[in-house]
Amino acid sequence: LVKVAEVLTQAHVLGFGILVVLVILVLPNGI
């Protein structure tokens, strides 16, 4: 669990980028 926390903390930009791409694909007019 400590390792998972470290990986999530280091990969936050990747996770947020994936979220932005999904929102753009699913909601092209924005929220």
PDB file of all heavy atoms in Angstrom:
ATOM      1  N   LEU A   1       0.825  -1.210   0.000  1.00  0.00           N
ATOM      2  CA  LEU A   1       0.000   0.000   0.000  1.00  0.00           C
ATOM      3  C   LEU A   1       0.860   1.261   0.000  1.00  0.00           C
ATOM      4  O   LEU A   1       0.506   2.258  -0.623  1.00  0.00           O
ATOM      5  CB  LEU A   1      -0.945   0.004   1.201  1.00  0.00           C
ATOM      6  CG  LEU A   1      -2.129  -0.950   1.107  1.00  0.00           C
ATOM      7  CD1 LEU A   1      -2.926  -0.928   2.404  1.00  0.00           C
ATOM      8  CD2 LEU A   1      -3.018  -0.604  -0.066  1.00  0.00           C
ATOM      9  N   VAL A   2       1.980   1.210   0.681  1.00  0.00           N
ATOM     10  CA  VAL A   2       2.898   2.349   0.670  1.00  0.00           C
ATOM     11  C   VAL A   2       3.439   2.544  -0.746  1.00  0.00           C
ATOM     12  O   VAL A   2       3.535   3.671  -1.238  1.00  0.00           O
ATOM     13  CB  VAL A   2       4.047   2.140   1.684  1.00  0.00           C
ATOM     14  CG1 VAL A   2       5.082   3.237   1.559  1.00  0.00           C
ATOM     15  CG2 VAL A   2       3.492   2.087   3.099  1.00  0.00           C
ATOM     16  N   LYS A   3       3.762   1.460  -1.441  1.00  0.00           N
ATOM     17  CA  LYS A   3       4.267   1.536  -2.821  1.00  0.00           C
ATOM     18  C   LYS A   3       3.186   2.097  -3.751  1.00  0.00           C
ATOM     19  O   LYS A   3       3.484   2.914  -4.627  1.00  0.00           O
ATOM     20  CB  LYS A   3       4.724   0.148  -3.286  1.00  0.00           C
ATOM     21  CG  LYS A   3       5.371   0.156  -4.630  1.00  0.00           C
ATOM     22  CD  LYS A   3       6.667   0.945  -4.605  1.00  0.00           C
ATOM     23  CE  LYS A   3       7.341   0.858  -5.951  1.00  0.00           C
ATOM     24  NZ  LYS A   3       8.472   1.753  -6.058  1.00  0.00           N
ATOM     25  N   VAL A   4       1.919   1.653  -3.564  1.00  0.00           N
ATOM     26  CA  VAL A   4       0.815   2.183  -4.374  1.00  0.00           C
ATOM     27  C   VAL A   4       0.701   3.692  -4.174  1.00  0.00           C
ATOM     28  O   VAL A   4       0.514   4.440  -5.132  1.00  0.00           O
ATOM     29  CB  VAL A   4      -0.522   1.478  -4.019  1.00  0.00           C
ATOM     30  CG1 VAL A   4      -1.712   2.215  -4.589  1.00  0.00           C
ATOM     31  CG2 VAL A   4      -0.507   0.039  -4.505  1.00  0.00           C
ATOM     32  N   ALA A   5       0.834   4.149  -2.939  1.00  0.00           N
ATOM     33  CA  ALA A   5       0.765   5.582  -2.650  1.00  0.00           C
ATOM     34  C   ALA A   5       1.883   6.330  -3.362  1.00  0.00           C
ATOM     35  O   ALA A   5       1.664   7.405  -3.927  1.00  0.00           O
ATOM     36  CB  ALA A   5       0.841   5.811  -1.146  1.00  0.00           C
ATOM     37  N   GLU A   6       3.077   5.769  -3.365  1.00  0.00           N
ATOM     38  CA  GLU A   6       4.201   6.416  -4.034  1.00  0.00           C
ATOM     39  C   GLU A   6       3.984   6.492  -5.541  1.00  0.00           C
ATOM     40  O   GLU A   6       4.243   7.522  -6.164  1.00  0.00           O
ATOM     41  CB  GLU A   6       5.493   5.659  -3.740  1.00  0.00           C
ATOM     42  CG  GLU A   6       5.965   5.777  -2.310  1.00  0.00           C
ATOM     43  CD  GLU A   6       7.134   4.857  -1.996  1.00  0.00           C
ATOM     44  OE1 GLU A   6       7.637   4.183  -2.916  1.00  0.00           O
ATOM     45  OE2 GLU A   6       7.529   4.818  -0.824  1.00  0.00           O
ATOM     46  N   VAL A   7       3.497   5.401  -6.127  1.00  0.00           N
ATOM     47  CA  VAL A   7       3.252   5.375  -7.577  1.00  0.00           C
ATOM     48  C   VAL A   7       2.168   6.365  -7.955  1.00  0.00           C
ATOM     49  O   VAL A   7       2.295   7.112  -8.926  1.00  0.00           O
ATOM     50  CB  VAL A   7       2.908   3.946  -8.048  1.00  0.00           C
ATOM     51  CG1 VAL A   7       2.407   3.946  -9.479  1.00  0.00           C
ATOM     52  CG2 VAL A   7       4.107   3.029  -7.893  1.00  0.00           C
ATOM     53  N   LEU A   8       1.068   6.403  -7.203  1.00  0.00           N
ATOM     54  CA  LEU A   8      -0.014   7.350  -7.489  1.00  0.00           C
ATOM     55  C   LEU A   8       0.473   8.785  -7.385  1.00  0.00           C
ATOM     56  O   LEU A   8       0.112   9.633  -8.198  1.00  0.00           O
ATOM     57  CB  LEU A   8      -1.185   7.137  -6.526  1.00  0.00           C
ATOM     58  CG  LEU A   8      -2.120   5.989  -6.831  1.00  0.00           C
ATOM     59  CD1 LEU A   8      -3.140   5.846  -5.720  1.00  0.00           C
ATOM     60  CD2 LEU A   8      -2.812   6.185  -8.159  1.00  0.00           C
ATOM     61  N   THR A   9       1.279   9.053  -6.385  1.00  0.00           N
ATOM     62  CA  THR A   9       1.793  10.406  -6.202  1.00  0.00           C
ATOM     63  C   THR A   9       2.699  10.816  -7.361  1.00  0.00           C
ATOM     64  O   THR A   9       2.638  11.941  -7.837  1.00  0.00           O
ATOM     65  CB  THR A   9       2.549  10.501  -4.864  1.00  0.00           C
ATOM     66  OG1 THR A   9       1.653  10.138  -3.820  1.00  0.00           O
ATOM     67  CG2 THR A   9       3.048  11.903  -4.617  1.00  0.00           C
ATOM     68  N   GLN A  10       3.511   9.892  -7.844  1.00  0.00           N
ATOM     69  CA  GLN A  10       4.425  10.196  -8.941  1.00  0.00           C
ATOM     70  C   GLN A  10       3.712  10.262 -10.287  1.00  0.00           C
ATOM     71  O   GLN A  10       4.169  10.959 -11.194  1.00  0.00           O
ATOM     72  CB  GLN A  10       5.537   9.160  -8.994  1.00  0.00           C
ATOM     73  CG  GLN A  10       6.447   9.213  -7.796  1.00  0.00           C
ATOM     74  CD  GLN A  10       7.412   8.048  -7.744  1.00  0.00           C
ATOM     75  OE1 GLN A  10       7.396   7.176  -8.603  1.00  0.00           O
ATOM     76  NE2 GLN A  10       8.249   8.022  -6.722  1.00  0.00           N
ATOM     77  N   ALA A  11       2.602   9.547 -10.441  1.00  0.00           N
ATOM     78  CA  ALA A  11       1.923   9.472 -11.729  1.00  0.00           C
ATOM     79  C   ALA A  11       0.684  10.370 -11.790  1.00  0.00           C
ATOM     80  O   ALA A  11      -0.184  10.165 -12.625  1.00  0.00           O
ATOM     81  CB  ALA A  11       1.526   8.024 -12.019  1.00  0.00           C
ATOM     82  N   HIS A  12       0.620  11.385 -10.930  1.00  0.00           N
ATOM     83  CA  HIS A  12      -0.589  12.206 -10.897  1.00  0.00           C
ATOM     84  C   HIS A  12      -0.814  12.974 -12.197  1.00  0.00           C
ATOM     85  O   HIS A  12      -1.954  13.167 -12.614  1.00  0.00           O
ATOM     86  CB  HIS A  12      -0.578  13.156  -9.696  1.00  0.00           C
ATOM     87  CG  HIS A  12       0.307  14.347  -9.850  1.00  0.00           C
ATOM     88  ND1 HIS A  12       1.659  14.291  -9.605  1.00  0.00           N
ATOM     89  CD2 HIS A  12       0.046  15.611 -10.224  1.00  0.00           C
ATOM     90  CE1 HIS A  12       2.187  15.473  -9.816  1.00  0.00           C
ATOM     91  NE2 HIS A  12       1.231  16.302 -10.196  1.00  0.00           N
ATOM     92  N   VAL A  13       0.230  13.373 -12.860  1.00  0.00           N
ATOM     93  CA  VAL A  13       0.077  14.108 -14.118  1.00  0.00           C
ATOM     94  C   VAL A  13      -0.511  13.194 -15.191  1.00  0.00           C
ATOM     95  O   VAL A  13      -1.396  13.595 -15.948  1.00  0.00           O
ATOM     96  CB  VAL A  13       1.434  14.703 -14.572  1.00  0.00           C
ATOM     97  CG1 VAL A  13       1.316  15.345 -15.935  1.00  0.00           C
ATOM     98  CG2 VAL A  13       1.941  15.693 -13.546  1.00  0.00           C
ATOM     99  N   LEU A  14      -0.061  11.962 -15.235  1.00  0.00           N
ATOM    100  CA  LEU A  14      -0.589  10.991 -16.193  1.00  0.00           C
ATOM    101  C   LEU A  14      -2.068  10.730 -15.930  1.00  0.00           C
ATOM    102  O   LEU A  14      -2.884  10.738 -16.857  1.00  0.00           O
ATOM    103  CB  LEU A  14       0.203   9.685 -16.122  1.00  0.00           C
ATOM    104  CG  LEU A  14      -0.308   8.555 -17.009  1.00  0.00           C
ATOM    105  CD1 LEU A  14      -0.173   8.931 -18.478  1.00  0.00           C
ATOM    106  CD2 LEU A  14       0.444   7.283 -16.706  1.00  0.00           C
ATOM    107  N   GLY A  15      -2.422  10.511 -14.677  1.00  0.00           N
ATOM    108  CA  GLY A  15      -3.827  10.256 -14.335  1.00  0.00           C
ATOM    109  C   GLY A  15      -4.716  11.428 -14.688  1.00  0.00           C
ATOM    110  O   GLY A  15      -5.811  11.255 -15.234  1.00  0.00           O
ATOM    111  N   PHE A  16      -4.266  12.631 -14.398  1.00  0.00           N
ATOM    112  CA  PHE A  16      -5.052  13.818 -14.718  1.00  0.00           C
ATOM    113  C   PHE A  16      -5.152  14.004 -16.223  1.00  0.00           C
ATOM    114  O   PHE A  16      -6.210  14.374 -16.738  1.00  0.00           O
ATOM    115  CB  PHE A  16      -4.433  15.056 -14.065  1.00  0.00           C
ATOM    116  CG  PHE A  16      -5.273  16.279 -14.228  1.00  0.00           C
ATOM    117  CD1 PHE A  16      -6.491  16.392 -13.583  1.00  0.00           C
ATOM    118  CD2 PHE A  16      -4.854  17.319 -15.022  1.00  0.00           C
ATOM    119  CE1 PHE A  16      -7.276  17.513 -13.730  1.00  0.00           C
ATOM    120  CE2 PHE A  16      -5.626  18.458 -15.177  1.00  0.00           C
ATOM    121  CZ  PHE A  16      -6.831  18.549 -14.526  1.00  0.00           C
ATOM    122  N   GLY A  17      -4.078  13.727 -16.951  1.00  0.00           N
ATOM    123  CA  GLY A  17      -4.110  13.830 -18.416  1.00  0.00           C
ATOM    124  C   GLY A  17      -5.102  12.871 -19.032  1.00  0.00           C
ATOM    125  O   GLY A  17      -5.846  13.224 -19.951  1.00  0.00           O
ATOM    126  N   ILE A  18      -5.138  11.650 -18.521  1.00  0.00           N
ATOM    127  CA  ILE A  18      -6.108  10.662 -19.009  1.00  0.00           C
ATOM    128  C   ILE A  18      -7.529  11.138 -18.722  1.00  0.00           C
ATOM    129  O   ILE A  18      -8.416  11.022 -19.566  1.00  0.00           O
ATOM    130  CB  ILE A  18      -5.831   9.286 -18.383  1.00  0.00           C
ATOM    131  CG1 ILE A  18      -4.536   8.715 -18.941  1.00  0.00           C
ATOM    132  CG2 ILE A  18      -6.996   8.323 -18.632  1.00  0.00           C
ATOM    133  CD1 ILE A  18      -4.044   7.477 -18.237  1.00  0.00           C
ATOM    134  N   LEU A  19      -7.754  11.702 -17.547  1.00  0.00           N
ATOM    135  CA  LEU A  19      -9.069  12.231 -17.196  1.00  0.00           C
ATOM    136  C   LEU A  19      -9.489  13.347 -18.154  1.00  0.00           C
ATOM    137  O   LEU A  19     -10.628  13.377 -18.630  1.00  0.00           O
ATOM    138  CB  LEU A  19      -9.073  12.738 -15.758  1.00  0.00           C
ATOM    139  CG  LEU A  19     -10.365  13.377 -15.277  1.00  0.00           C
ATOM    140  CD1 LEU A  19     -11.485  12.346 -15.236  1.00  0.00           C
ATOM    141  CD2 LEU A  19     -10.167  13.994 -13.918  1.00  0.00           C
ATOM    142  N   VAL A  20      -8.570  14.249 -18.468  1.00  0.00           N
ATOM    143  CA  VAL A  20      -8.879  15.357 -19.387  1.00  0.00           C
ATOM    144  C   VAL A  20      -9.235  14.815 -20.771  1.00  0.00           C
ATOM    145  O   VAL A  20     -10.214  15.246 -21.386  1.00  0.00           O
ATOM    146  CB  VAL A  20      -7.702  16.349 -19.473  1.00  0.00           C
ATOM    147  CG1 VAL A  20      -7.877  17.330 -20.614  1.00  0.00           C
ATOM    148  CG2 VAL A  20      -7.543  17.086 -18.161  1.00  0.00           C
ATOM    149  N   VAL A  21      -8.471  13.860 -21.266  1.00  0.00           N
ATOM    150  CA  VAL A  21      -8.758  13.271 -22.583  1.00  0.00           C
ATOM    151  C   VAL A  21     -10.120  12.597 -22.584  1.00  0.00           C
ATOM    152  O   VAL A  21     -10.901  12.755 -23.539  1.00  0.00           O
ATOM    153  CB  VAL A  21      -7.643  12.279 -22.990  1.00  0.00           C
ATOM    154  CG1 VAL A  21      -8.035  11.480 -24.221  1.00  0.00           C
ATOM    155  CG2 VAL A  21      -6.345  13.027 -23.247  1.00  0.00           C
ATOM    156  N   LEU A  22     -10.461  11.870 -21.529  1.00  0.00           N
ATOM    157  CA  LEU A  22     -11.770  11.209 -21.456  1.00  0.00           C
ATOM    158  C   LEU A  22     -12.909  12.226 -21.442  1.00  0.00           C
ATOM    159  O   LEU A  22     -13.923  12.030 -22.114  1.00  0.00           O
ATOM    160  CB  LEU A  22     -11.841  10.313 -20.220  1.00  0.00           C
ATOM    161  CG  LEU A  22     -11.025   9.039 -20.289  1.00  0.00           C
ATOM    162  CD1 LEU A  22     -11.065   8.299 -18.956  1.00  0.00           C
ATOM    163  CD2 LEU A  22     -11.521   8.144 -21.410  1.00  0.00           C
ATOM    164  N   VAL A  23     -12.729  13.307 -20.697  1.00  0.00           N
ATOM    165  CA  VAL A  23     -13.777  14.340 -20.665  1.00  0.00           C
ATOM    166  C   VAL A  23     -13.932  14.969 -22.042  1.00  0.00           C
ATOM    167  O   VAL A  23     -15.053  15.202 -22.505  1.00  0.00           O
ATOM    168  CB  VAL A  23     -13.469  15.404 -19.584  1.00  0.00           C
ATOM    169  CG1 VAL A  23     -14.374  16.617 -19.748  1.00  0.00           C
ATOM    170  CG2 VAL A  23     -13.627  14.810 -18.202  1.00  0.00           C
ATOM    171  N   ILE A  24     -12.834  15.215 -22.730  1.00  0.00           N
ATOM    172  CA  ILE A  24     -12.912  15.807 -24.070  1.00  0.00           C
ATOM    173  C   ILE A  24     -13.609  14.862 -25.039  1.00  0.00           C
ATOM    174  O   ILE A  24     -14.424  15.288 -25.862  1.00  0.00           O
ATOM    175  CB  ILE A  24     -11.504  16.186 -24.576  1.00  0.00           C
ATOM    176  CG1 ILE A  24     -10.970  17.373 -23.784  1.00  0.00           C
ATOM    177  CG2 ILE A  24     -11.512  16.488 -26.068  1.00  0.00           C
ATOM    178  CD1 ILE A  24      -9.514  17.686 -24.024  1.00  0.00           C
ATOM    179  N   LEU A  25     -13.326  13.576 -24.939  1.00  0.00           N
ATOM    180  CA  LEU A  25     -13.958  12.606 -25.843  1.00  0.00           C
ATOM    181  C   LEU A  25     -15.434  12.408 -25.535  1.00  0.00           C
ATOM    182  O   LEU A  25     -16.261  12.324 -26.439  1.00  0.00           O
ATOM    183  CB  LEU A  25     -13.226  11.262 -25.764  1.00  0.00           C
ATOM    184  CG  LEU A  25     -11.823  11.228 -26.356  1.00  0.00           C
ATOM    185  CD1 LEU A  25     -11.175   9.887 -26.075  1.00  0.00           C
ATOM    186  CD2 LEU A  25     -11.862  11.511 -27.847  1.00  0.00           C
ATOM    187  N   VAL A  26     -15.774  12.324 -24.264  1.00  0.00           N
ATOM    188  CA  VAL A  26     -17.149  12.033 -23.873  1.00  0.00           C
ATOM    189  C   VAL A  26     -18.013  13.291 -23.869  1.00  0.00           C
ATOM    190  O   VAL A  26     -19.189  13.248 -24.235  1.00  0.00           O
ATOM    191  CB  VAL A  26     -17.175  11.348 -22.488  1.00  0.00           C
ATOM    192  CG1 VAL A  26     -18.590  11.141 -21.999  1.00  0.00           C
ATOM    193  CG2 VAL A  26     -16.440  10.016 -22.544  1.00  0.00           C
ATOM    194  N   LEU A  27     -17.448  14.410 -23.470  1.00  0.00           N
ATOM    195  CA  LEU A  27     -18.196  15.666 -23.370  1.00  0.00           C
ATOM    196  C   LEU A  27     -17.508  16.760 -24.183  1.00  0.00           C
ATOM    197  O   LEU A  27     -16.889  17.669 -23.635  1.00  0.00           O
ATOM    198  CB  LEU A  27     -18.294  16.102 -21.895  1.00  0.00           C
ATOM    199  CG  LEU A  27     -18.922  15.108 -20.937  1.00  0.00           C
ATOM    200  CD1 LEU A  27     -18.717  15.553 -19.511  1.00  0.00           C
ATOM    201  CD2 LEU A  27     -20.384  14.924 -21.240  1.00  0.00           C
ATOM    202  N   PRO A  28     -17.609  16.708 -25.517  1.00  0.00           N
ATOM    203  CA  PRO A  28     -16.888  17.674 -26.346  1.00  0.00           C
ATOM    204  C   PRO A  28     -17.327  19.125 -26.140  1.00  0.00           C
ATOM    205  O   PRO A  28     -16.561  20.041 -26.421  1.00  0.00           O
ATOM    206  CB  PRO A  28     -17.169  17.208 -27.771  1.00  0.00           C
ATOM    207  CG  PRO A  28     -18.394  16.375 -27.685  1.00  0.00           C
ATOM    208  CD  PRO A  28     -18.388  15.776 -26.310  1.00  0.00           C
ATOM    209  N   ASN A  29     -18.530  19.351 -25.623  1.00  0.00           N
ATOM    210  CA  ASN A  29     -18.997  20.719 -25.369  1.00  0.00           C
ATOM    211  C   ASN A  29     -18.684  21.173 -23.953  1.00  0.00           C
ATOM    212  O   ASN A  29     -19.105  22.240 -23.537  1.00  0.00           O
ATOM    213  CB  ASN A  29     -20.501  20.819 -25.605  1.00  0.00           C
ATOM    214  CG  ASN A  29     -20.855  20.563 -27.045  1.00  0.00           C
ATOM    215  OD1 ASN A  29     -20.118  20.948 -27.939  1.00  0.00           O
ATOM    216  ND2 ASN A  29     -21.962  19.885 -27.282  1.00  0.00           N
ATOM    217  N   GLY A  30     -17.968  20.348 -23.196  1.00  0.00           N
ATOM    218  CA  GLY A  30     -17.642  20.680 -21.815  1.00  0.00           C
ATOM    219  C   GLY A  30     -18.732  20.239 -20.872  1.00  0.00           C
ATOM    220  O   GLY A  30     -19.808  19.776 -21.284  1.00  0.00           O
ATOM    221  N   ILE A  31     -18.473  20.369 -19.596  1.00  0.00           N
ATOM    222  CA  ILE A  31     -19.442  19.936 -18.589  1.00  0.00           C
ATOM    223  C   ILE A  31     -20.684  20.810 -18.624  1.00  0.00           C
ATOM    224  O   ILE A  31     -21.808  20.326 -18.567  1.00  0.00           O
ATOM    225  CB  ILE A  31     -18.783  19.934 -17.188  1.00  0.00           C
ATOM    226  CG1 ILE A  31     -17.697  18.858 -17.155  1.00  0.00           C
ATOM    227  CG2 ILE A  31     -19.817  19.695 -16.097  1.00  0.00           C
ATOM    228  CD1 ILE A  31     -16.854  18.862 -15.909  1.00  0.00           C
TER     229      ILE A  31
END
